[in-house]
Amino acid sequence: MKIYIIRVIIPLGIVIGSVVLGFGTYYILKLGGL
């Protein structure tokens, strides 16, 4: 059960992390543009 949870959480964390990184980059570029 723990292994299954880890297998789900790690890819989910990678996806969420990449989305957050994408939004962060977008906001930095948006603020930098202003």
Protein backbone atom coordinates (compact mmCIF):
# COMPACT_ATOMS: atom_id res chain seq x y z
CA MET A 1 0.00 0.00 0.00
CA LYS A 2 2.79 2.44 0.90
CA ILE A 3 4.59 1.66 -2.37
CA TYR A 4 1.37 2.39 -4.32
CA ILE A 5 0.92 5.73 -2.53
CA ILE A 6 4.56 6.68 -3.24
CA ARG A 7 4.12 5.72 -6.92
CA VAL A 8 1.11 8.07 -7.13
CA ILE A 9 2.51 10.97 -5.06
CA ILE A 10 5.90 11.25 -6.83
CA PRO A 11 4.49 11.75 -10.40
CA LEU A 12 1.77 14.00 -8.97
CA GLY A 13 4.45 16.07 -7.19
CA ILE A 14 6.47 16.34 -10.40
CA VAL A 15 3.39 17.51 -12.34
CA ILE A 16 2.37 20.04 -9.66
CA GLY A 17 5.98 21.23 -9.37
CA SER A 18 6.28 21.79 -13.12
CA VAL A 19 2.95 23.67 -13.18
CA VAL A 20 3.99 25.87 -10.24
CA LEU A 21 7.36 26.47 -11.93
CA GLY A 22 5.57 27.39 -15.17
CA PHE A 23 3.26 29.87 -13.40
CA GLY A 24 6.22 31.28 -11.44
CA THR A 25 8.20 31.83 -14.65
CA TYR A 26 5.13 33.45 -16.27
CA TYR A 27 4.63 35.86 -13.37
CA ILE A 28 8.36 36.75 -13.24
CA LEU A 29 8.33 37.49 -16.99
CA LYS A 30 5.06 39.44 -16.64
CA LEU A 31 6.42 41.55 -13.77
CA GLY A 32 9.79 41.88 -15.54
CA GLY A 33 7.99 43.10 -18.68
CA LEU A 34 6.24 45.83 -16.65
